[in-house]
Amino acid sequence: MGVSHYGRQKGDNVRLRPLVKDALTTKCWLFDKVTSEWWLPWEFEDRYFDKELCNHDIDELLENVVVRPFDSGVKAAEKQIINAGIEYSRMIIDLKNKLEAFKLKDQAYREGLKQRGFK
């Protein structure tokens, strides 16, 4: 299903102002849940306030951009680093297990060659 007639019409960027005002008054940042981008309030203004947006684009921003404190971004990044480390460790263990299985298979192959009269 496509964007409605209303959604395609030129939007009023003033609808985004409460987001910026809220971020400024709470000394927070703006976070886009879709793109995972962090914006300072004035960066968000520079990016979107002079840009011609349709109602659909503005609705999407209002739905997906949230006001978040700086430390929530730091905590999220730290959690991602920990999770990446865990995933990396699992990958290394898996690769080591595959390598060991491959070595054992080669050893069995060489023993099989000897049993079949190959030197």
PDB file of N, CA and C in Angstrom:
ATOM      1  N   MET A   1       0.854  -1.182   0.000  1.00  0.00           N
ATOM      2  CA  MET A   1       0.000   0.000   0.000  1.00  0.00           C
ATOM      3  C   MET A   1       0.892   1.235   0.000  1.00  0.00           C
ATOM      4  N   GLY A   2       0.525   2.204  -0.783  1.00  0.00           N
ATOM      5  CA  GLY A   2       1.334   3.408  -0.917  1.00  0.00           C
ATOM      6  C   GLY A   2       1.006   4.458   0.123  1.00  0.00           C
ATOM      7  N   VAL A   3       1.640   5.593  -0.046  1.00  0.00           N
ATOM      8  CA  VAL A   3       1.437   6.726   0.848  1.00  0.00           C
ATOM      9  C   VAL A   3       0.151   7.434   0.436  1.00  0.00           C
ATOM     10  N   SER A   4      -0.644   7.839   1.400  1.00  0.00           N
ATOM     11  CA  SER A   4      -1.921   8.502   1.124  1.00  0.00           C
ATOM     12  C   SER A   4      -1.703   9.876   0.491  1.00  0.00           C
ATOM     13  N   HIS A   5      -2.798  10.443   0.002  1.00  0.00           N
ATOM     14  CA  HIS A   5      -2.741  11.792  -0.575  1.00  0.00           C
ATOM     15  C   HIS A   5      -2.230  12.781   0.476  1.00  0.00           C
ATOM     16  N   TYR A   6      -2.751  12.671   1.694  1.00  0.00           N
ATOM     17  CA  TYR A   6      -2.293  13.531   2.789  1.00  0.00           C
ATOM     18  C   TYR A   6      -0.799  13.350   3.012  1.00  0.00           C
ATOM     19  N   GLY A   7      -0.340  12.114   3.010  1.00  0.00           N
ATOM     20  CA  GLY A   7       1.065  11.819   3.261  1.00  0.00           C
ATOM     21  C   GLY A   7       1.995  12.419   2.228  1.00  0.00           C
ATOM     22  N   ARG A   8       1.510  12.549   0.982  1.00  0.00           N
ATOM     23  CA  ARG A   8       2.347  13.104  -0.089  1.00  0.00           C
ATOM     24  C   ARG A   8       2.363  14.629  -0.094  1.00  0.00           C
ATOM     25  N   GLN A   9       1.430  15.245   0.619  1.00  0.00           N
ATOM     26  CA  GLN A   9       1.368  16.711   0.639  1.00  0.00           C
ATOM     27  C   GLN A   9       2.525  17.293   1.439  1.00  0.00           C
ATOM     28  N   LYS A  10       2.884  18.529   1.085  1.00  0.00           N
ATOM     29  CA  LYS A  10       3.971  19.225   1.781  1.00  0.00           C
ATOM     30  C   LYS A  10       3.625  19.327   3.262  1.00  0.00           C
ATOM     31  N   GLY A  11       4.574  18.931   4.084  1.00  0.00           N
ATOM     32  CA  GLY A  11       4.356  18.947   5.524  1.00  0.00           C
ATOM     33  C   GLY A  11       4.806  20.245   6.166  1.00  0.00           C
ATOM     34  N   ASP A  12       4.380  20.440   7.391  1.00  0.00           N
ATOM     35  CA  ASP A  12       4.765  21.616   8.167  1.00  0.00           C
ATOM     36  C   ASP A  12       5.841  21.196   9.169  1.00  0.00           C
ATOM     37  N   ASN A  13       7.068  21.604   8.900  1.00  0.00           N
ATOM     38  CA  ASN A  13       8.200  21.214   9.737  1.00  0.00           C
ATOM     39  C   ASN A  13       8.078  21.717  11.173  1.00  0.00           C
ATOM     40  N   VAL A  14       7.207  22.665  11.415  1.00  0.00           N
ATOM     41  CA  VAL A  14       6.986  23.186  12.775  1.00  0.00           C
ATOM     42  C   VAL A  14       6.520  22.055  13.693  1.00  0.00           C
ATOM     43  N   ARG A  15       5.923  21.026  13.115  1.00  0.00           N
ATOM     44  CA  ARG A  15       5.468  19.880  13.917  1.00  0.00           C
ATOM     45  C   ARG A  15       6.644  19.171  14.603  1.00  0.00           C
ATOM     46  N   LEU A  16       7.854  19.396  14.102  1.00  0.00           N
ATOM     47  CA  LEU A  16       9.044  18.770  14.688  1.00  0.00           C
ATOM     48  C   LEU A  16       9.614  19.576  15.861  1.00  0.00           C
ATOM     49  N   ARG A  17       9.164  20.829  15.994  1.00  0.00           N
ATOM     50  CA  ARG A  17       9.720  21.709  17.029  1.00  0.00           C
ATOM     51  C   ARG A  17       9.605  21.163  18.445  1.00  0.00           C
ATOM     52  N   PRO A  18       8.475  20.558  18.835  1.00  0.00           N
ATOM     53  CA  PRO A  18       8.387  20.042  20.210  1.00  0.00           C
ATOM     54  C   PRO A  18       9.482  19.021  20.545  1.00  0.00           C
ATOM     55  N   LEU A  19       9.884  18.226  19.561  1.00  0.00           N
ATOM     56  CA  LEU A  19      10.985  17.278  19.786  1.00  0.00           C
ATOM     57  C   LEU A  19      12.261  18.019  20.164  1.00  0.00           C
ATOM     58  N   VAL A  20      12.575  19.032  19.374  1.00  0.00           N
ATOM     59  CA  VAL A  20      13.798  19.808  19.603  1.00  0.00           C
ATOM     60  C   VAL A  20      13.711  20.544  20.933  1.00  0.00           C
ATOM     61  N   LYS A  21      12.552  21.151  21.197  1.00  0.00           N
ATOM     62  CA  LYS A  21      12.369  21.896  22.446  1.00  0.00           C
ATOM     63  C   LYS A  21      12.514  20.970  23.650  1.00  0.00           C
ATOM     64  N   ASP A  22      11.916  19.792  23.559  1.00  0.00           N
ATOM     65  CA  ASP A  22      12.009  18.822  24.652  1.00  0.00           C
ATOM     66  C   ASP A  22      13.464  18.405  24.878  1.00  0.00           C
ATOM     67  N   ALA A  23      14.190  18.153  23.796  1.00  0.00           N
ATOM     68  CA  ALA A  23      15.604  17.763  23.918  1.00  0.00           C
ATOM     69  C   ALA A  23      16.424  18.880  24.568  1.00  0.00           C
ATOM     70  N   LEU A  24      16.165  20.108  24.161  1.00  0.00           N
ATOM     71  CA  LEU A  24      16.915  21.239  24.717  1.00  0.00           C
ATOM     72  C   LEU A  24      16.597  21.459  26.194  1.00  0.00           C
ATOM     73  N   THR A  25      15.321  21.425  26.553  1.00  0.00           N
ATOM     74  CA  THR A  25      14.949  21.698  27.946  1.00  0.00           C
ATOM     75  C   THR A  25      15.400  20.585  28.890  1.00  0.00           C
ATOM     76  N   THR A  26      15.511  19.368  28.377  1.00  0.00           N
ATOM     77  CA  THR A  26      15.957  18.252  29.221  1.00  0.00           C
ATOM     78  C   THR A  26      17.450  17.969  29.056  1.00  0.00           C
ATOM     79  N   LYS A  27      18.109  18.811  28.238  1.00  0.00           N
ATOM     80  CA  LYS A  27      19.553  18.654  27.958  1.00  0.00           C
ATOM     81  C   LYS A  27      19.868  17.252  27.449  1.00  0.00           C
ATOM     82  N   CYS A  28      19.025  16.806  26.513  1.00  0.00           N
ATOM     83  CA  CYS A  28      19.173  15.472  25.943  1.00  0.00           C
ATOM     84  C   CYS A  28      19.490  15.545  24.452  1.00  0.00           C
ATOM     85  N   TRP A  29      19.603  14.398  23.858  1.00  0.00           N
ATOM     86  CA  TRP A  29      19.864  14.250  22.432  1.00  0.00           C
ATOM     87  C   TRP A  29      18.607  13.698  21.769  1.00  0.00           C
ATOM     88  N   LEU A  30      18.629  13.668  20.439  1.00  0.00           N
ATOM     89  CA  LEU A  30      17.561  13.032  19.680  1.00  0.00           C
ATOM     90  C   LEU A  30      18.129  11.764  19.056  1.00  0.00           C
ATOM     91  N   PHE A  31      17.373  10.685  19.165  1.00  0.00           N
ATOM     92  CA  PHE A  31      17.820   9.393  18.646  1.00  0.00           C
ATOM     93  C   PHE A  31      16.799   8.859  17.662  1.00  0.00           C
ATOM     94  N   ASP A  32      17.272   8.485  16.477  1.00  0.00           N
ATOM     95  CA  ASP A  32      16.403   7.897  15.454  1.00  0.00           C
ATOM     96  C   ASP A  32      16.455   6.379  15.602  1.00  0.00           C
ATOM     97  N   LYS A  33      15.334   5.782  15.992  1.00  0.00           N
ATOM     98  CA  LYS A  33      15.278   4.344  16.245  1.00  0.00           C
ATOM     99  C   LYS A  33      15.461   3.518  14.976  1.00  0.00           C
ATOM    100  N   VAL A  34      15.186   4.103  13.819  1.00  0.00           N
ATOM    101  CA  VAL A  34      15.318   3.369  12.555  1.00  0.00           C
ATOM    102  C   VAL A  34      16.765   3.368  12.070  1.00  0.00           C
ATOM    103  N   THR A  35      17.391   4.528  12.068  1.00  0.00           N
ATOM    104  CA  THR A  35      18.756   4.648  11.532  1.00  0.00           C
ATOM    105  C   THR A  35      19.829   4.522  12.613  1.00  0.00           C
ATOM    106  N   SER A  36      19.420   4.519  13.873  1.00  0.00           N
ATOM    107  CA  SER A  36      20.341   4.499  15.025  1.00  0.00           C
ATOM    108  C   SER A  36      21.278   5.705  15.037  1.00  0.00           C
ATOM    109  N   GLU A  37      20.835   6.810  14.474  1.00  0.00           N
ATOM    110  CA  GLU A  37      21.631   8.044  14.479  1.00  0.00           C
ATOM    111  C   GLU A  37      21.286   8.872  15.711  1.00  0.00           C
ATOM    112  N   TRP A  38      22.313   9.512  16.252  1.00  0.00           N
ATOM    113  CA  TRP A  38      22.152  10.438  17.369  1.00  0.00           C
ATOM    114  C   TRP A  38      22.315  11.851  16.832  1.00  0.00           C
ATOM    115  N   TRP A  39      21.438  12.747  17.275  1.00  0.00           N
ATOM    116  CA  TRP A  39      21.478  14.136  16.819  1.00  0.00           C
ATOM    117  C   TRP A  39      21.497  15.072  18.019  1.00  0.00           C
ATOM    118  N   LEU A  40      22.343  16.077  17.966  1.00  0.00           N
ATOM    119  CA  LEU A  40      22.189  17.199  18.880  1.00  0.00           C
ATOM    120  C   LEU A  40      20.949  17.945  18.408  1.00  0.00           C
ATOM    121  N   PRO A  41      20.222  18.609  19.287  1.00  0.00           N
ATOM    122  CA  PRO A  41      18.994  19.281  18.848  1.00  0.00           C
ATOM    123  C   PRO A  41      19.217  20.224  17.661  1.00  0.00           C
ATOM    124  N   TRP A  42      20.302  20.999  17.678  1.00  0.00           N
ATOM    125  CA  TRP A  42      20.535  21.941  16.576  1.00  0.00           C
ATOM    126  C   TRP A  42      20.986  21.227  15.301  1.00  0.00           C
ATOM    127  N   GLU A  43      21.608  20.066  15.434  1.00  0.00           N
ATOM    128  CA  GLU A  43      21.941  19.283  14.238  1.00  0.00           C
ATOM    129  C   GLU A  43      20.663  18.779  13.572  1.00  0.00           C
ATOM    130  N   PHE A  44      19.721  18.346  14.401  1.00  0.00           N
ATOM    131  CA  PHE A  44      18.432  17.881  13.887  1.00  0.00           C
ATOM    132  C   PHE A  44      17.714  19.021  13.174  1.00  0.00           C
ATOM    133  N   GLU A  45      17.732  20.195  13.795  1.00  0.00           N
ATOM    134  CA  GLU A  45      17.128  21.374  13.155  1.00  0.00           C
ATOM    135  C   GLU A  45      17.794  21.661  11.817  1.00  0.00           C
ATOM    136  N   ASP A  46      19.121  21.687  11.797  1.00  0.00           N
ATOM    137  CA  ASP A  46      19.848  21.968  10.552  1.00  0.00           C
ATOM    138  C   ASP A  46      19.506  20.955   9.469  1.00  0.00           C
ATOM    139  N   ARG A  47      19.329  19.721   9.874  1.00  0.00           N
ATOM    140  CA  ARG A  47      19.069  18.655   8.899  1.00  0.00           C
ATOM    141  C   ARG A  47      17.644  18.709   8.351  1.00  0.00           C
ATOM    142  N   TYR A  48      16.666  18.986   9.202  1.00  0.00           N
ATOM    143  CA  TYR A  48      15.272  18.814   8.792  1.00  0.00           C
ATOM    144  C   TYR A  48      14.432  20.081   8.687  1.00  0.00           C
ATOM    145  N   PHE A  49      14.818  21.162   9.336  1.00  0.00           N
ATOM    146  CA  PHE A  49      13.919  22.310   9.374  1.00  0.00           C
ATOM    147  C   PHE A  49      13.888  23.100   8.078  1.00  0.00           C
ATOM    148  N   ASP A  50      14.983  23.122   7.339  1.00  0.00           N
ATOM    149  CA  ASP A  50      14.999  23.843   6.068  1.00  0.00           C
ATOM    150  C   ASP A  50      14.731  22.923   4.888  1.00  0.00           C
ATOM    151  N   LYS A  51      14.510  21.673   5.164  1.00  0.00           N
ATOM    152  CA  LYS A  51      14.280  20.675   4.123  1.00  0.00           C
ATOM    153  C   LYS A  51      12.779  20.573   3.860  1.00  0.00           C
ATOM    154  N   GLU A  52      12.422  20.452   2.592  1.00  0.00           N
ATOM    155  CA  GLU A  52      11.005  20.290   2.269  1.00  0.00           C
ATOM    156  C   GLU A  52      10.623  18.833   2.499  1.00  0.00           C
ATOM    157  N   LEU A  53       9.763  18.627   3.475  1.00  0.00           N
ATOM    158  CA  LEU A  53       9.329  17.281   3.838  1.00  0.00           C
ATOM    159  C   LEU A  53       7.841  17.134   3.591  1.00  0.00           C
ATOM    160  N   CYS A  54       7.438  15.941   3.189  1.00  0.00           N
ATOM    161  CA  CYS A  54       6.008  15.679   3.053  1.00  0.00           C
ATOM    162  C   CYS A  54       5.475  15.228   4.422  1.00  0.00           C
ATOM    163  N   ASN A  55       4.156  15.209   4.555  1.00  0.00           N
ATOM    164  CA  ASN A  55       3.542  14.816   5.827  1.00  0.00           C
ATOM    165  C   ASN A  55       3.982  13.422   6.265  1.00  0.00           C
ATOM    166  N   HIS A  56       4.113  12.522   5.302  1.00  0.00           N
ATOM    167  CA  HIS A  56       4.546  11.159   5.618  1.00  0.00           C
ATOM    168  C   HIS A  56       5.929  11.166   6.271  1.00  0.00           C
ATOM    169  N   ASP A  57       6.864  11.935   5.708  1.00  0.00           N
ATOM    170  CA  ASP A  57       8.219  12.015   6.270  1.00  0.00           C
ATOM    171  C   ASP A  57       8.196  12.577   7.691  1.00  0.00           C
ATOM    172  N   ILE A  58       7.400  13.602   7.899  1.00  0.00           N
ATOM    173  CA  ILE A  58       7.300  14.204   9.235  1.00  0.00           C
ATOM    174  C   ILE A  58       6.680  13.212  10.216  1.00  0.00           C
ATOM    175  N   ASP A  59       5.625  12.520   9.779  1.00  0.00           N
ATOM    176  CA  ASP A  59       5.005  11.507  10.644  1.00  0.00           C
ATOM    177  C   ASP A  59       6.007  10.414  11.021  1.00  0.00           C
ATOM    178  N   GLU A  60       6.821   9.991  10.047  1.00  0.00           N
ATOM    179  CA  GLU A  60       7.842   8.966  10.304  1.00  0.00           C
ATOM    180  C   GLU A  60       8.861   9.463  11.337  1.00  0.00           C
ATOM    181  N   LEU A  61       9.296  10.703  11.187  1.00  0.00           N
ATOM    182  CA  LEU A  61      10.251  11.269  12.147  1.00  0.00           C
ATOM    183  C   LEU A  61       9.630  11.344  13.539  1.00  0.00           C
ATOM    184  N   LEU A  62       8.397  11.809  13.616  1.00  0.00           N
ATOM    185  CA  LEU A  62       7.730  11.924  14.916  1.00  0.00           C
ATOM    186  C   LEU A  62       7.537  10.556  15.569  1.00  0.00           C
ATOM    187  N   GLU A  63       7.360   9.543  14.754  1.00  0.00           N
ATOM    188  CA  GLU A  63       7.172   8.193  15.280  1.00  0.00           C
ATOM    189  C   GLU A  63       8.495   7.557  15.715  1.00  0.00           C
ATOM    190  N   ASN A  64       9.567   7.876  15.018  1.00  0.00           N
ATOM    191  CA  ASN A  64      10.822   7.149  15.216  1.00  0.00           C
ATOM    192  C   ASN A  64      11.929   7.913  15.928  1.00  0.00           C
ATOM    193  N   VAL A  65      11.809   9.215  16.057  1.00  0.00           N
ATOM    194  CA  VAL A  65      12.841   9.995  16.737  1.00  0.00           C
ATOM    195  C   VAL A  65      12.381  10.250  18.171  1.00  0.00           C
ATOM    196  N   VAL A  66      13.260   9.899  19.106  1.00  0.00           N
ATOM    197  CA  VAL A  66      12.926  10.047  20.519  1.00  0.00           C
ATOM    198  C   VAL A  66      14.004  10.862  21.225  1.00  0.00           C
ATOM    199  N   VAL A  67      13.613  11.461  22.330  1.00  0.00           N
ATOM    200  CA  VAL A  67      14.539  12.236  23.156  1.00  0.00           C
ATOM    201  C   VAL A  67      15.188  11.271  24.144  1.00  0.00           C
ATOM    202  N   ARG A  68      16.514  11.267  24.145  1.00  0.00           N
ATOM    203  CA  ARG A  68      17.245  10.350  25.024  1.00  0.00           C
ATOM    204  C   ARG A  68      18.424  11.071  25.677  1.00  0.00           C
ATOM    205  N   PRO A  69      18.717  10.725  26.927  1.00  0.00           N
ATOM    206  CA  PRO A  69      19.909  11.298  27.563  1.00  0.00           C
ATOM    207  C   PRO A  69      21.178  10.681  26.980  1.00  0.00           C
ATOM    208  N   PHE A  70      22.243  11.441  27.037  1.00  0.00           N
ATOM    209  CA  PHE A  70      23.538  11.011  26.504  1.00  0.00           C
ATOM    210  C   PHE A  70      23.961   9.659  27.065  1.00  0.00           C
ATOM    211  N   ASP A  71      23.811   9.485  28.396  1.00  0.00           N
ATOM    212  CA  ASP A  71      24.309   8.249  29.003  1.00  0.00           C
ATOM    213  C   ASP A  71      23.546   7.009  28.557  1.00  0.00           C
ATOM    214  N   SER A  72      22.315   7.156  28.054  1.00  0.00           N
ATOM    215  CA  SER A  72      21.622   5.977  27.527  1.00  0.00           C
ATOM    216  C   SER A  72      22.305   5.502  26.246  1.00  0.00           C
ATOM    217  N   GLY A  73      22.854   6.442  25.484  1.00  0.00           N
ATOM    218  CA  GLY A  73      23.614   6.071  24.288  1.00  0.00           C
ATOM    219  C   GLY A  73      24.915   5.394  24.643  1.00  0.00           C
ATOM    220  N   VAL A  74      25.560   5.886  25.688  1.00  0.00           N
ATOM    221  CA  VAL A  74      26.818   5.277  26.139  1.00  0.00           C
ATOM    222  C   VAL A  74      26.550   3.858  26.635  1.00  0.00           C
ATOM    223  N   LYS A  75      25.502   3.695  27.438  1.00  0.00           N
ATOM    224  CA  LYS A  75      25.168   2.363  27.958  1.00  0.00           C
ATOM    225  C   LYS A  75      24.831   1.401  26.823  1.00  0.00           C
ATOM    226  N   ALA A  76      24.089   1.885  25.833  1.00  0.00           N
ATOM    227  CA  ALA A  76      23.738   1.038  24.688  1.00  0.00           C
ATOM    228  C   ALA A  76      24.985   0.624  23.914  1.00  0.00           C
ATOM    229  N   ALA A  77      25.904   1.561  23.730  1.00  0.00           N
ATOM    230  CA  ALA A  77      27.145   1.250  23.008  1.00  0.00           C
ATOM    231  C   ALA A  77      27.992   0.255  23.794  1.00  0.00           C
ATOM    232  N   GLU A  78      28.075   0.449  25.105  1.00  0.00           N
ATOM    233  CA  GLU A  78      28.841  -0.489  25.939  1.00  0.00           C
ATOM    234  C   GLU A  78      28.237  -1.889  25.872  1.00  0.00           C
ATOM    235  N   LYS A  79      26.910  -1.963  25.884  1.00  0.00           N
ATOM    236  CA  LYS A  79      26.230  -3.256  25.779  1.00  0.00           C
ATOM    237  C   LYS A  79      26.523  -3.902  24.425  1.00  0.00           C
ATOM    238  N   GLN A  80      26.527  -3.105  23.353  1.00  0.00           N
ATOM    239  CA  GLN A  80      26.850  -3.635  22.025  1.00  0.00           C
ATOM    240  C   GLN A  80      28.273  -4.176  21.988  1.00  0.00           C
ATOM    241  N   ILE A  81      29.194  -3.477  22.632  1.00  0.00           N
ATOM    242  CA  ILE A  81      30.590  -3.926  22.670  1.00  0.00           C
ATOM    243  C   ILE A  81      30.690  -5.262  23.410  1.00  0.00           C
ATOM    244  N   ILE A  82      30.018  -5.366  24.542  1.00  0.00           N
ATOM    245  CA  ILE A  82      30.033  -6.619  25.309  1.00  0.00           C
ATOM    246  C   ILE A  82      29.437  -7.749  24.477  1.00  0.00           C
ATOM    247  N   ASN A  83      28.281  -7.489  23.855  1.00  0.00           N
ATOM    248  CA  ASN A  83      27.631  -8.515  23.033  1.00  0.00           C
ATOM    249  C   ASN A  83      28.500  -8.916  21.845  1.00  0.00           C
ATOM    250  N   ALA A  84      29.180  -7.943  21.240  1.00  0.00           N
ATOM    251  CA  ALA A  84      30.074  -8.251  20.117  1.00  0.00           C
ATOM    252  C   ALA A  84      31.235  -9.114  20.595  1.00  0.00           C
ATOM    253  N   GLY A  85      31.752  -8.828  21.789  1.00  0.00           N
ATOM    254  CA  GLY A  85      32.830  -9.638  22.355  1.00  0.00           C
ATOM    255  C   GLY A  85      32.386 -11.067  22.611  1.00  0.00           C
ATOM    256  N   ILE A  86      31.175 -11.215  23.141  1.00  0.00           N
ATOM    257  CA  ILE A  86      30.626 -12.554  23.385  1.00  0.00           C
ATOM    258  C   ILE A  86      30.458 -13.296  22.063  1.00  0.00           C
ATOM    259  N   GLU A  87      29.898 -12.631  21.085  1.00  0.00           N
ATOM    260  CA  GLU A  87      29.696 -13.243  19.767  1.00  0.00           C
ATOM    261  C   GLU A  87      31.033 -13.622  19.131  1.00  0.00           C
ATOM    262  N   TYR A  88      32.019 -12.749  19.267  1.00  0.00           N
ATOM    263  CA  TYR A  88      33.352 -13.025  18.734  1.00  0.00           C
ATOM    264  C   TYR A  88      33.949 -14.258  19.412  1.00  0.00           C
ATOM    265  N   SER A  89      33.814 -14.348  20.727  1.00  0.00           N
ATOM    266  CA  SER A  89      34.327 -15.508  21.464  1.00  0.00           C
ATOM    267  C   SER A  89      33.657 -16.794  20.995  1.00  0.00           C
ATOM    268  N   ARG A  90      32.350 -16.741  20.799  1.00  0.00           N
ATOM    269  CA  ARG A  90      31.624 -17.919  20.296  1.00  0.00           C
ATOM    270  C   ARG A  90      32.120 -18.312  18.910  1.00  0.00           C
ATOM    271  N   MET A  91      32.356 -17.321  18.068  1.00  0.00           N
ATOM    272  CA  MET A  91      32.838 -17.581  16.715  1.00  0.00           C
ATOM    273  C   MET A  91      34.220 -18.234  16.754  1.00  0.00           C
ATOM    274  N   ILE A  92      35.103 -17.744  17.621  1.00  0.00           N
ATOM    275  CA  ILE A  92      36.451 -18.309  17.752  1.00  0.00           C
ATOM    276  C   ILE A  92      36.368 -19.761  18.230  1.00  0.00           C
ATOM    277  N   ILE A  93      35.537 -20.019  19.227  1.00  0.00           N
ATOM    278  CA  ILE A  93      35.367 -21.390  19.729  1.00  0.00           C
ATOM    279  C   ILE A  93      34.860 -22.295  18.614  1.00  0.00           C
ATOM    280  N   ASP A  94      33.882 -21.830  17.859  1.00  0.00           N
ATOM    281  CA  ASP A  94      33.331 -22.613  16.753  1.00  0.00           C
ATOM    282  C   ASP A  94      34.404 -22.900  15.698  1.00  0.00           C
ATOM    283  N   LEU A  95      35.196 -21.898  15.356  1.00  0.00           N
ATOM    284  CA  LEU A  95      36.262 -22.094  14.369  1.00  0.00           C
ATOM    285  C   LEU A  95      37.323 -23.068  14.876  1.00  0.00           C
ATOM    286  N   LYS A  96      37.684 -22.962  16.145  1.00  0.00           N
ATOM    287  CA  LYS A  96      38.661 -23.897  16.723  1.00  0.00           C
ATOM    288  C   LYS A  96      38.122 -25.325  16.693  1.00  0.00           C
ATOM    289  N   ASN A  97      36.839 -25.490  17.022  1.00  0.00           N
ATOM    290  CA  ASN A  97      36.227 -26.822  16.980  1.00  0.00           C
ATOM    291  C   ASN A  97      36.225 -27.380  15.561  1.00  0.00           C
ATOM    292  N   LYS A  98      35.911 -26.536  14.588  1.00  0.00           N
ATOM    293  CA  LYS A  98      35.928 -26.980  13.188  1.00  0.00           C
ATOM    294  C   LYS A  98      37.336 -27.358  12.756  1.00  0.00           C
ATOM    295  N   LEU A  99      38.315 -26.573  13.161  1.00  0.00           N
ATOM    296  CA  LEU A  99      39.704 -26.872  12.818  1.00  0.00           C
ATOM    297  C   LEU A  99      40.132 -28.200  13.434  1.00  0.00           C
ATOM    298  N   GLU A 100      39.791 -28.418  14.692  1.00  0.00           N
ATOM    299  CA  GLU A 100      40.151 -29.672  15.360  1.00  0.00           C
ATOM    300  C   GLU A 100      39.484 -30.859  14.666  1.00  0.00           C
ATOM    301  N   ALA A 101      38.215 -30.718  14.308  1.00  0.00           N
ATOM    302  CA  ALA A 101      37.512 -31.793  13.596  1.00  0.00           C
ATOM    303  C   ALA A 101      38.162 -32.058  12.237  1.00  0.00           C
ATOM    304  N   PHE A 102      38.587 -31.011  11.561  1.00  0.00           N
ATOM    305  CA  PHE A 102      39.247 -31.155  10.264  1.00  0.00           C
ATOM    306  C   PHE A 102      40.582 -31.890  10.418  1.00  0.00           C
ATOM    307  N   LYS A 103      41.336 -31.544  11.459  1.00  0.00           N
ATOM    308  CA  LYS A 103      42.614 -32.217  11.715  1.00  0.00           C
ATOM    309  C   LYS A 103      42.393 -33.703  12.015  1.00  0.00           C
ATOM    310  N   LEU A 104      41.369 -34.006  12.827  1.00  0.00           N
ATOM    311  CA  LEU A 104      41.066 -35.405  13.145  1.00  0.00           C
ATOM    312  C   LEU A 104      40.643 -36.171  11.896  1.00  0.00           C
ATOM    313  N   LYS A 105      39.880 -35.515  11.053  1.00  0.00           N
ATOM    314  CA  LYS A 105      39.445 -36.157   9.812  1.00  0.00           C
ATOM    315  C   LYS A 105      40.647 -36.431   8.909  1.00  0.00           C
ATOM    316  N   ASP A 106      41.596 -35.494   8.857  1.00  0.00           N
ATOM    317  CA  ASP A 106      42.803 -35.699   8.053  1.00  0.00           C
ATOM    318  C   ASP A 106      43.627 -36.851   8.621  1.00  0.00           C
ATOM    319  N   GLN A 107      43.719 -36.923   9.946  1.00  0.00           N
ATOM    320  CA  GLN A 107      44.461 -38.015  10.579  1.00  0.00           C
ATOM    321  C   GLN A 107      43.820 -39.360  10.217  1.00  0.00           C
ATOM    322  N   ALA A 108      42.491 -39.426  10.279  1.00  0.00           N
ATOM    323  CA  ALA A 108      41.784 -40.656   9.907  1.00  0.00           C
ATOM    324  C   ALA A 108      41.998 -40.978   8.429  1.00  0.00           C
ATOM    325  N   TYR A 109      42.037 -39.959   7.603  1.00  0.00           N
ATOM    326  CA  TYR A 109      42.275 -40.149   6.169  1.00  0.00           C
ATOM    327  C   TYR A 109      43.649 -40.769   5.944  1.00  0.00           C
ATOM    328  N   ARG A 110      44.657 -40.219   6.594  1.00  0.00           N
ATOM    329  CA  ARG A 110      46.032 -40.733   6.434  1.00  0.00           C
ATOM    330  C   ARG A 110      46.139 -42.176   6.945  1.00  0.00           C
ATOM    331  N   GLU A 111      45.472 -42.491   8.051  1.00  0.00           N
ATOM    332  CA  GLU A 111      45.461 -43.871   8.551  1.00  0.00           C
ATOM    333  C   GLU A 111      44.751 -44.792   7.566  1.00  0.00           C
ATOM    334  N   GLY A 112      43.675 -44.292   6.983  1.00  0.00           N
ATOM    335  CA  GLY A 112      42.955 -45.075   5.971  1.00  0.00           C
ATOM    336  C   GLY A 112      43.810 -45.348   4.741  1.00  0.00           C
ATOM    337  N   LEU A 113      44.619 -44.373   4.343  1.00  0.00           N
ATOM    338  CA  LEU A 113      45.521 -44.567   3.204  1.00  0.00           C
ATOM    339  C   LEU A 113      46.529 -45.677   3.507  1.00  0.00           C
ATOM    340  N   LYS A 114      47.082 -45.656   4.727  1.00  0.00           N
ATOM    341  CA  LYS A 114      48.060 -46.682   5.117  1.00  0.00           C
ATOM    342  C   LYS A 114      47.421 -48.068   5.089  1.00  0.00           C
ATOM    343  N   GLN A 115      46.192 -48.163   5.600  1.00  0.00           N
ATOM    344  CA  GLN A 115      45.490 -49.450   5.630  1.00  0.00           C
ATOM    345  C   GLN A 115      45.207 -49.961   4.215  1.00  0.00           C
ATOM    346  N   ARG A 116      45.107 -49.061   3.283  1.00  0.00           N
ATOM    347  CA  ARG A 116      44.826 -49.440   1.897  1.00  0.00           C
ATOM    348  C   ARG A 116      46.111 -49.623   1.082  1.00  0.00           C
ATOM    349  N   GLY A 117      47.239 -49.575   1.735  1.00  0.00           N
ATOM    350  CA  GLY A 117      48.510 -49.829   1.079  1.00  0.00           C
ATOM    351  C   GLY A 117      49.187 -48.613   0.483  1.00  0.00           C
ATOM    352  N   PHE A 118      48.691 -47.414   0.734  1.00  0.00           N
ATOM    353  CA  PHE A 118      49.348 -46.193   0.243  1.00  0.00           C
ATOM    354  C   PHE A 118      50.341 -45.712   1.298  1.00  0.00           C
ATOM    355  N   LYS A 119      51.486 -45.251   0.832  1.00  0.00           N
ATOM    356  CA  LYS A 119      52.499 -44.775   1.791  1.00  0.00           C
ATOM    357  C   LYS A 119      52.638 -43.297   1.775  1.00  0.00           C
TER     358      LYS A 119
END
